[in-house]
Amino acid sequence: QVQLVESGGGLVQAGGSLRLSCAASGRTSGSYTMGWFRQAPGKEREFVAAVSWSGATTNYAASVKGRFTISRDGAKNTAYLQMNSLEPEDTAVYHCAADRLPLVLALRKEAFEYWGQGTQVTVSS
């Protein structure tokens, strides 16, 4: 079992920045791909970004590419999502996810077994 806990959400004005963290505990040894997804009210949970177990390879949704950066610190078992130039459309609950899978599959929420509870991000106009 892997436990994931997100932090760093909050209220920010459009154009501002936030940095989300996802701390993993439990059976964290192994090649876990980590991803970030978000869910706005009344909408499906959607892919935001993912990073390979080594941290060398990343993937982003088109809507956030160039504004968000995903990274991970293996020593701390923590993944990060740096979000810049935030827009009201980025308002959602952000969830991190982890599983042993190739990065190419990380776009699909169904591919992940382990999920955090989520952290709220609200961007005001």
N, C-alpha and C. Protein backbone atom coordinates (compact mmCIF):
# COMPACT_ATOMS: atom_id res chain seq x y z
N GLN A 1 0.83 -1.20 0.00
CA GLN A 1 0.00 0.00 0.00
C GLN A 1 0.87 1.25 0.00
N VAL A 2 0.38 2.25 -0.69
CA VAL A 2 1.05 3.54 -0.74
C VAL A 2 0.04 4.59 -0.30
N GLN A 3 0.45 5.44 0.63
CA GLN A 3 -0.40 6.55 1.07
C GLN A 3 0.15 7.85 0.49
N LEU A 4 -0.76 8.69 0.01
CA LEU A 4 -0.39 9.96 -0.61
C LEU A 4 -1.12 11.10 0.10
N VAL A 5 -0.39 12.15 0.44
CA VAL A 5 -0.98 13.31 1.09
C VAL A 5 -0.55 14.57 0.35
N GLU A 6 -1.55 15.31 -0.17
CA GLU A 6 -1.27 16.55 -0.87
C GLU A 6 -1.31 17.74 0.08
N SER A 7 -0.59 18.78 -0.29
CA SER A 7 -0.63 20.04 0.46
C SER A 7 -0.26 21.17 -0.49
N GLY A 8 -0.51 22.39 -0.05
CA GLY A 8 -0.08 23.55 -0.82
C GLY A 8 -1.18 24.29 -1.56
N GLY A 9 -2.40 23.76 -1.51
CA GLY A 9 -3.49 24.45 -2.20
C GLY A 9 -3.87 25.73 -1.47
N GLY A 10 -4.75 26.51 -2.11
CA GLY A 10 -5.21 27.75 -1.49
C GLY A 10 -5.90 28.64 -2.49
N LEU A 11 -6.09 29.89 -2.06
CA LEU A 11 -6.74 30.90 -2.90
C LEU A 11 -5.68 31.85 -3.44
N VAL A 12 -5.71 32.09 -4.74
CA VAL A 12 -4.73 32.96 -5.37
C VAL A 12 -5.41 33.76 -6.47
N GLN A 13 -4.90 34.94 -6.74
CA GLN A 13 -5.45 35.75 -7.83
C GLN A 13 -4.93 35.25 -9.18
N ALA A 14 -5.69 35.52 -10.22
CA ALA A 14 -5.26 35.16 -11.57
C ALA A 14 -3.89 35.77 -11.84
N GLY A 15 -3.02 34.96 -12.46
CA GLY A 15 -1.66 35.39 -12.72
C GLY A 15 -0.68 34.99 -11.64
N GLY A 16 -1.20 34.53 -10.51
CA GLY A 16 -0.35 34.14 -9.40
C GLY A 16 0.18 32.72 -9.53
N SER A 17 0.88 32.27 -8.46
CA SER A 17 1.52 30.97 -8.47
C SER A 17 1.21 30.21 -7.18
N LEU A 18 1.23 28.90 -7.29
CA LEU A 18 1.14 28.00 -6.14
C LEU A 18 2.04 26.81 -6.41
N ARG A 19 2.52 26.18 -5.32
CA ARG A 19 3.30 24.96 -5.43
C ARG A 19 2.64 23.89 -4.60
N LEU A 20 2.18 22.83 -5.26
CA LEU A 20 1.57 21.70 -4.58
C LEU A 20 2.63 20.65 -4.29
N SER A 21 2.45 19.95 -3.16
CA SER A 21 3.33 18.85 -2.80
C SER A 21 2.50 17.60 -2.59
N CYS A 22 3.11 16.46 -2.87
CA CYS A 22 2.47 15.16 -2.65
C CYS A 22 3.48 14.25 -1.96
N ALA A 23 3.27 14.00 -0.69
CA ALA A 23 4.18 13.16 0.09
C ALA A 23 3.69 11.72 0.09
N ALA A 24 4.56 10.81 -0.29
CA ALA A 24 4.22 9.39 -0.35
C ALA A 24 4.83 8.65 0.83
N SER A 25 4.08 7.70 1.37
CA SER A 25 4.57 6.84 2.45
C SER A 25 4.05 5.43 2.24
N GLY A 26 4.59 4.49 3.01
CA GLY A 26 4.21 3.10 2.85
C GLY A 26 5.20 2.39 1.95
N ARG A 27 4.69 1.56 1.04
CA ARG A 27 5.55 0.79 0.14
C ARG A 27 6.01 1.66 -1.02
N THR A 28 6.91 2.59 -0.73
CA THR A 28 7.32 3.55 -1.75
C THR A 28 8.53 3.11 -2.55
N SER A 29 9.12 1.96 -2.19
CA SER A 29 10.25 1.48 -2.99
C SER A 29 9.70 0.92 -4.30
N GLY A 30 10.44 1.10 -5.35
CA GLY A 30 9.97 0.63 -6.64
C GLY A 30 9.80 1.77 -7.62
N SER A 31 9.50 1.41 -8.85
CA SER A 31 9.45 2.39 -9.94
C SER A 31 8.04 2.96 -10.09
N TYR A 32 7.69 3.88 -9.23
CA TYR A 32 6.36 4.48 -9.26
C TYR A 32 6.34 5.73 -10.14
N THR A 33 5.46 5.72 -11.11
CA THR A 33 5.13 6.95 -11.83
C THR A 33 4.17 7.74 -10.97
N MET A 34 4.34 9.07 -10.94
CA MET A 34 3.44 9.90 -10.15
C MET A 34 2.76 10.92 -11.07
N GLY A 35 1.51 11.15 -10.77
CA GLY A 35 0.75 12.06 -11.62
C GLY A 35 -0.10 13.02 -10.80
N TRP A 36 -0.50 14.11 -11.43
CA TRP A 36 -1.45 15.06 -10.87
C TRP A 36 -2.68 15.11 -11.77
N PHE A 37 -3.83 15.05 -11.13
CA PHE A 37 -5.11 15.19 -11.81
C PHE A 37 -5.89 16.28 -11.09
N ARG A 38 -6.92 16.81 -11.76
CA ARG A 38 -7.77 17.80 -11.11
C ARG A 38 -9.22 17.55 -11.47
N GLN A 39 -10.09 17.99 -10.55
CA GLN A 39 -11.52 17.82 -10.77
C GLN A 39 -12.24 19.09 -10.34
N ALA A 40 -12.87 19.74 -11.30
CA ALA A 40 -13.68 20.92 -11.03
C ALA A 40 -15.12 20.47 -10.77
N PRO A 41 -15.91 21.29 -10.07
CA PRO A 41 -17.31 20.91 -9.77
C PRO A 41 -18.08 20.57 -11.03
N GLY A 42 -18.74 19.41 -11.02
CA GLY A 42 -19.56 19.01 -12.15
C GLY A 42 -18.80 18.49 -13.34
N LYS A 43 -17.49 18.33 -13.20
CA LYS A 43 -16.68 17.87 -14.33
C LYS A 43 -15.96 16.57 -13.98
N GLU A 44 -15.50 15.89 -15.03
CA GLU A 44 -14.71 14.68 -14.84
C GLU A 44 -13.32 15.03 -14.31
N ARG A 45 -12.73 14.07 -13.59
CA ARG A 45 -11.35 14.23 -13.17
C ARG A 45 -10.47 14.16 -14.42
N GLU A 46 -9.57 15.13 -14.58
CA GLU A 46 -8.76 15.20 -15.79
C GLU A 46 -7.27 15.21 -15.48
N PHE A 47 -6.52 14.69 -16.42
CA PHE A 47 -5.07 14.63 -16.31
C PHE A 47 -4.46 16.03 -16.35
N VAL A 48 -3.44 16.26 -15.52
CA VAL A 48 -2.72 17.52 -15.52
C VAL A 48 -1.26 17.30 -15.92
N ALA A 49 -0.56 16.41 -15.20
CA ALA A 49 0.85 16.18 -15.47
C ALA A 49 1.28 14.87 -14.83
N ALA A 50 2.39 14.30 -15.33
CA ALA A 50 2.94 13.08 -14.76
C ALA A 50 4.45 13.11 -14.90
N VAL A 51 5.12 12.36 -14.01
CA VAL A 51 6.58 12.28 -14.03
C VAL A 51 6.98 10.83 -13.82
N SER A 52 7.99 10.40 -14.55
CA SER A 52 8.47 9.03 -14.44
C SER A 52 9.15 8.81 -13.10
N TRP A 53 9.40 7.55 -12.77
CA TRP A 53 9.97 7.22 -11.47
C TRP A 53 11.35 7.87 -11.29
N SER A 54 12.09 8.04 -12.38
CA SER A 54 13.43 8.63 -12.28
C SER A 54 13.38 10.15 -12.23
N GLY A 55 12.24 10.72 -12.63
CA GLY A 55 12.13 12.17 -12.72
C GLY A 55 12.63 12.73 -14.04
N ALA A 56 13.13 11.86 -14.90
CA ALA A 56 13.76 12.33 -16.13
C ALA A 56 12.75 12.66 -17.22
N THR A 57 11.57 12.08 -17.15
CA THR A 57 10.58 12.25 -18.22
C THR A 57 9.28 12.77 -17.64
N THR A 58 8.68 13.72 -18.32
CA THR A 58 7.43 14.31 -17.87
C THR A 58 6.43 14.38 -19.02
N ASN A 59 5.17 14.57 -18.65
CA ASN A 59 4.11 14.72 -19.64
C ASN A 59 3.10 15.71 -19.08
N TYR A 60 2.51 16.54 -19.93
CA TYR A 60 1.58 17.56 -19.49
C TYR A 60 0.34 17.61 -20.36
N ALA A 61 -0.76 18.01 -19.75
CA ALA A 61 -1.95 18.33 -20.52
C ALA A 61 -1.69 19.61 -21.32
N ALA A 62 -2.29 19.72 -22.47
CA ALA A 62 -2.07 20.88 -23.32
C ALA A 62 -2.47 22.18 -22.62
N SER A 63 -3.47 22.10 -21.77
CA SER A 63 -3.99 23.30 -21.11
C SER A 63 -3.03 23.89 -20.08
N VAL A 64 -2.05 23.11 -19.63
CA VAL A 64 -1.14 23.60 -18.59
C VAL A 64 0.30 23.65 -19.06
N LYS A 65 0.58 23.13 -20.23
CA LYS A 65 1.96 23.08 -20.72
C LYS A 65 2.52 24.50 -20.84
N GLY A 66 3.72 24.68 -20.32
CA GLY A 66 4.35 25.99 -20.33
C GLY A 66 4.04 26.82 -19.10
N ARG A 67 3.03 26.43 -18.32
CA ARG A 67 2.67 27.15 -17.09
C ARG A 67 2.96 26.32 -15.84
N PHE A 68 2.78 25.00 -15.93
CA PHE A 68 2.96 24.11 -14.79
C PHE A 68 4.23 23.28 -14.99
N THR A 69 4.88 22.93 -13.87
CA THR A 69 6.05 22.07 -13.91
C THR A 69 5.94 21.01 -12.84
N ILE A 70 6.04 19.74 -13.25
CA ILE A 70 6.01 18.63 -12.30
C ILE A 70 7.45 18.16 -12.04
N SER A 71 7.72 17.80 -10.82
CA SER A 71 9.04 17.28 -10.46
C SER A 71 8.88 16.34 -9.28
N ARG A 72 9.98 15.68 -8.91
CA ARG A 72 9.92 14.78 -7.77
C ARG A 72 11.28 14.75 -7.08
N ASP A 73 11.26 14.48 -5.79
CA ASP A 73 12.47 14.32 -4.98
C ASP A 73 12.44 12.90 -4.43
N GLY A 74 13.26 12.03 -4.99
CA GLY A 74 13.24 10.64 -4.59
C GLY A 74 13.62 10.43 -3.14
N ALA A 75 14.56 11.23 -2.66
CA ALA A 75 15.01 11.09 -1.28
C ALA A 75 13.89 11.42 -0.29
N LYS A 76 13.01 12.31 -0.67
CA LYS A 76 11.91 12.72 0.21
C LYS A 76 10.61 12.03 -0.13
N ASN A 77 10.61 11.18 -1.17
CA ASN A 77 9.37 10.52 -1.61
C ASN A 77 8.25 11.54 -1.82
N THR A 78 8.60 12.63 -2.48
CA THR A 78 7.64 13.71 -2.66
C THR A 78 7.64 14.17 -4.12
N ALA A 79 6.44 14.42 -4.64
CA ALA A 79 6.28 15.01 -5.96
C ALA A 79 5.75 16.42 -5.80
N TYR A 80 6.06 17.26 -6.76
CA TYR A 80 5.65 18.67 -6.69
C TYR A 80 4.97 19.07 -7.99
N LEU A 81 4.10 20.07 -7.88
CA LEU A 81 3.51 20.69 -9.05
C LEU A 81 3.61 22.20 -8.87
N GLN A 82 4.52 22.81 -9.59
CA GLN A 82 4.66 24.26 -9.59
C GLN A 82 3.72 24.83 -10.61
N MET A 83 2.81 25.69 -10.17
CA MET A 83 1.79 26.24 -11.05
C MET A 83 1.96 27.75 -11.13
N ASN A 84 2.27 28.23 -12.33
CA ASN A 84 2.47 29.65 -12.57
C ASN A 84 1.40 30.17 -13.52
N SER A 85 1.25 31.48 -13.58
CA SER A 85 0.28 32.12 -14.48
C SER A 85 -1.09 31.46 -14.34
N LEU A 86 -1.53 31.30 -13.12
CA LEU A 86 -2.80 30.62 -12.87
C LEU A 86 -3.97 31.40 -13.43
N GLU A 87 -4.96 30.64 -13.89
CA GLU A 87 -6.17 31.20 -14.50
C GLU A 87 -7.39 30.71 -13.72
N PRO A 88 -8.49 31.45 -13.76
CA PRO A 88 -9.71 30.97 -13.07
C PRO A 88 -10.11 29.55 -13.49
N GLU A 89 -9.82 29.21 -14.74
CA GLU A 89 -10.16 27.87 -15.24
C GLU A 89 -9.34 26.76 -14.57
N ASP A 90 -8.29 27.13 -13.85
CA ASP A 90 -7.49 26.13 -13.13
C ASP A 90 -8.11 25.77 -11.77
N THR A 91 -9.18 26.45 -11.38
CA THR A 91 -9.83 26.16 -10.12
C THR A 91 -10.36 24.74 -10.10
N ALA A 92 -9.94 23.97 -9.09
CA ALA A 92 -10.33 22.56 -8.99
C ALA A 92 -9.73 21.98 -7.72
N VAL A 93 -10.15 20.75 -7.40
CA VAL A 93 -9.44 19.97 -6.40
C VAL A 93 -8.35 19.19 -7.13
N TYR A 94 -7.13 19.32 -6.66
CA TYR A 94 -5.99 18.66 -7.29
C TYR A 94 -5.61 17.41 -6.49
N HIS A 95 -5.53 16.30 -7.20
CA HIS A 95 -5.20 15.01 -6.58
C HIS A 95 -3.89 14.50 -7.15
N CYS A 96 -3.05 13.92 -6.30
CA CYS A 96 -1.90 13.21 -6.83
C CYS A 96 -2.20 11.71 -6.85
N ALA A 97 -1.49 11.01 -7.71
CA ALA A 97 -1.70 9.58 -7.90
C ALA A 97 -0.36 8.91 -8.13
N ALA A 98 -0.28 7.62 -7.81
CA ALA A 98 0.96 6.87 -7.99
C ALA A 98 0.65 5.43 -8.35
N ASP A 99 1.51 4.87 -9.19
CA ASP A 99 1.40 3.45 -9.52
C ASP A 99 2.62 3.06 -10.32
N ARG A 100 2.85 1.76 -10.40
CA ARG A 100 3.94 1.24 -11.22
C ARG A 100 3.41 1.07 -12.64
N LEU A 101 3.64 2.06 -13.47
CA LEU A 101 3.17 1.98 -14.84
C LEU A 101 4.03 2.88 -15.72
N PRO A 102 4.07 2.58 -17.02
CA PRO A 102 4.84 3.44 -17.91
C PRO A 102 4.19 4.80 -18.06
N LEU A 103 5.01 5.80 -18.30
CA LEU A 103 4.52 7.17 -18.36
C LEU A 103 3.43 7.35 -19.41
N VAL A 104 3.51 6.59 -20.48
CA VAL A 104 2.54 6.74 -21.56
C VAL A 104 1.12 6.41 -21.10
N LEU A 105 0.99 5.60 -20.05
CA LEU A 105 -0.33 5.25 -19.53
C LEU A 105 -0.83 6.24 -18.49
N ALA A 106 0.04 7.15 -18.06
CA ALA A 106 -0.28 8.01 -16.93
C ALA A 106 -1.33 9.07 -17.25
N LEU A 107 -1.72 9.20 -18.52
CA LEU A 107 -2.76 10.17 -18.87
C LEU A 107 -4.14 9.68 -18.44
N ARG A 108 -4.26 8.39 -18.16
CA ARG A 108 -5.55 7.79 -17.84
C ARG A 108 -5.69 7.62 -16.34
N LYS A 109 -6.72 8.22 -15.74
CA LYS A 109 -6.90 8.12 -14.30
C LYS A 109 -7.17 6.68 -13.89
N GLU A 110 -7.77 5.89 -14.79
CA GLU A 110 -8.08 4.49 -14.46
C GLU A 110 -6.83 3.65 -14.26
N ALA A 111 -5.69 4.14 -14.75
CA ALA A 111 -4.44 3.37 -14.66
C ALA A 111 -3.82 3.43 -13.27
N PHE A 112 -4.23 4.40 -12.45
CA PHE A 112 -3.61 4.59 -11.14
C PHE A 112 -4.41 3.91 -10.05
N GLU A 113 -3.70 3.21 -9.16
CA GLU A 113 -4.36 2.56 -8.02
C GLU A 113 -4.37 3.47 -6.79
N TYR A 114 -3.30 4.22 -6.57
CA TYR A 114 -3.16 4.97 -5.32
C TYR A 114 -3.45 6.45 -5.56
N TRP A 115 -4.27 7.01 -4.66
CA TRP A 115 -4.71 8.40 -4.78
C TRP A 115 -4.64 9.11 -3.44
N GLY A 116 -4.37 10.42 -3.50
CA GLY A 116 -4.49 11.25 -2.33
C GLY A 116 -5.89 11.81 -2.21
N GLN A 117 -6.17 12.48 -1.09
CA GLN A 117 -7.50 13.03 -0.83
C GLN A 117 -7.75 14.32 -1.61
N GLY A 118 -6.70 14.98 -2.01
CA GLY A 118 -6.86 16.19 -2.81
C GLY A 118 -6.65 17.47 -2.01
N THR A 119 -6.30 18.53 -2.73
CA THR A 119 -6.14 19.85 -2.14
C THR A 119 -6.82 20.87 -3.05
N GLN A 120 -7.56 21.79 -2.45
CA GLN A 120 -8.34 22.74 -3.23
C GLN A 120 -7.46 23.89 -3.73
N VAL A 121 -7.60 24.19 -5.01
CA VAL A 121 -6.95 25.36 -5.61
C VAL A 121 -8.06 26.25 -6.18
N THR A 122 -8.10 27.49 -5.72
CA THR A 122 -9.10 28.44 -6.20
C THR A 122 -8.38 29.67 -6.75
N VAL A 123 -8.69 30.00 -8.00
CA VAL A 123 -8.07 31.14 -8.66
C VAL A 123 -9.15 32.18 -8.92
N SER A 124 -9.00 33.34 -8.34
CA SER A 124 -9.99 34.40 -8.50
C SER A 124 -9.60 35.33 -9.65
N SER A 125 -10.61 35.86 -10.31
CA SER A 125 -10.36 36.74 -11.47
C SER A 125 -10.23 38.19 -11.04
